[in-house]
Amino acid sequence: MTMRTCFVTGQEFDDEKTGFKWMHDGKWYYFFDIGARSRFVGNPQKYLDEAAAKAS
């Protein structure tokens, strides 16, 4: 079992049972569902900027 945190929603999930991933600029990002992945793919900079703002 590998627990991941959805990059868009923050929800934890077992990526062996569910989950989606997407590579952006050489880094893998993990998502709880296809909807979260689609939102990220449609506007990755929005979510990367939000994550950077939370980290600082």
Protein backbone atom coordinates (compact mmCIF):
# COMPACT_ATOMS: atom_id res chain seq x y z
CA MET A 1 0.00 0.00 0.00
CA THR A 2 1.37 3.38 -1.01
CA MET A 3 -0.43 6.36 0.46
CA ARG A 4 -0.35 9.55 -1.59
CA THR A 5 -1.82 13.01 -1.16
CA CYS A 6 -3.79 14.46 -4.05
CA PHE A 7 -1.94 17.53 -5.32
CA VAL A 8 -5.22 19.33 -6.09
CA THR A 9 -7.58 18.31 -3.27
CA GLY A 10 -5.17 17.33 -0.49
CA GLN A 11 -7.08 14.08 0.04
CA GLU A 12 -5.03 11.02 1.04
CA PHE A 13 -5.51 7.82 -0.96
CA ASP A 14 -3.96 4.43 -1.63
CA ASP A 15 -2.56 4.70 -5.15
CA GLU A 16 -2.58 0.92 -5.57
CA LYS A 17 -6.40 0.93 -5.38
CA THR A 18 -7.26 4.28 -6.93
CA GLY A 19 -5.53 7.36 -8.16
CA PHE A 20 -4.07 8.99 -11.21
CA LYS A 21 -0.74 10.59 -11.94
CA TRP A 22 0.64 13.06 -14.42
CA MET A 23 4.21 14.10 -15.23
CA HIS A 24 4.82 17.82 -15.49
CA ASP A 25 8.32 19.28 -16.05
CA GLY A 26 9.92 15.95 -15.17
CA LYS A 27 8.07 15.48 -11.86
CA TRP A 28 5.19 13.11 -11.10
CA TYR A 29 2.08 14.57 -9.48
CA TYR A 30 -0.57 12.34 -7.91
CA PHE A 31 -4.34 12.85 -7.88
CA PHE A 32 -7.23 11.19 -6.08
CA ASP A 33 -9.46 11.08 -9.16
CA ILE A 34 -9.56 11.89 -12.86
CA GLY A 35 -11.36 15.17 -12.18
CA ALA A 36 -8.53 16.48 -10.01
CA ARG A 37 -5.99 15.37 -12.58
CA SER A 38 -7.96 17.08 -15.35
CA ARG A 39 -8.08 20.35 -13.37
CA PHE A 40 -4.30 20.21 -12.90
CA VAL A 41 -3.59 19.36 -16.54
CA GLY A 42 -5.84 22.23 -17.67
CA ASN A 43 -3.96 24.81 -15.59
CA PRO A 44 -0.91 23.39 -13.82
CA GLN A 45 0.59 26.79 -13.00
CA LYS A 46 -2.44 27.67 -10.86
CA TYR A 47 -1.91 24.64 -8.63
CA LEU A 48 1.88 24.98 -8.57
CA ASP A 49 1.54 28.64 -7.51
CA GLU A 50 -0.99 27.71 -4.80
CA ALA A 51 1.35 25.00 -3.46
CA ALA A 52 4.27 27.43 -3.43
CA ALA A 53 2.21 30.01 -1.56
CA LYS A 54 1.21 27.45 1.08
CA ALA A 55 4.83 26.36 1.52
CA SER A 56 6.08 29.87 2.25
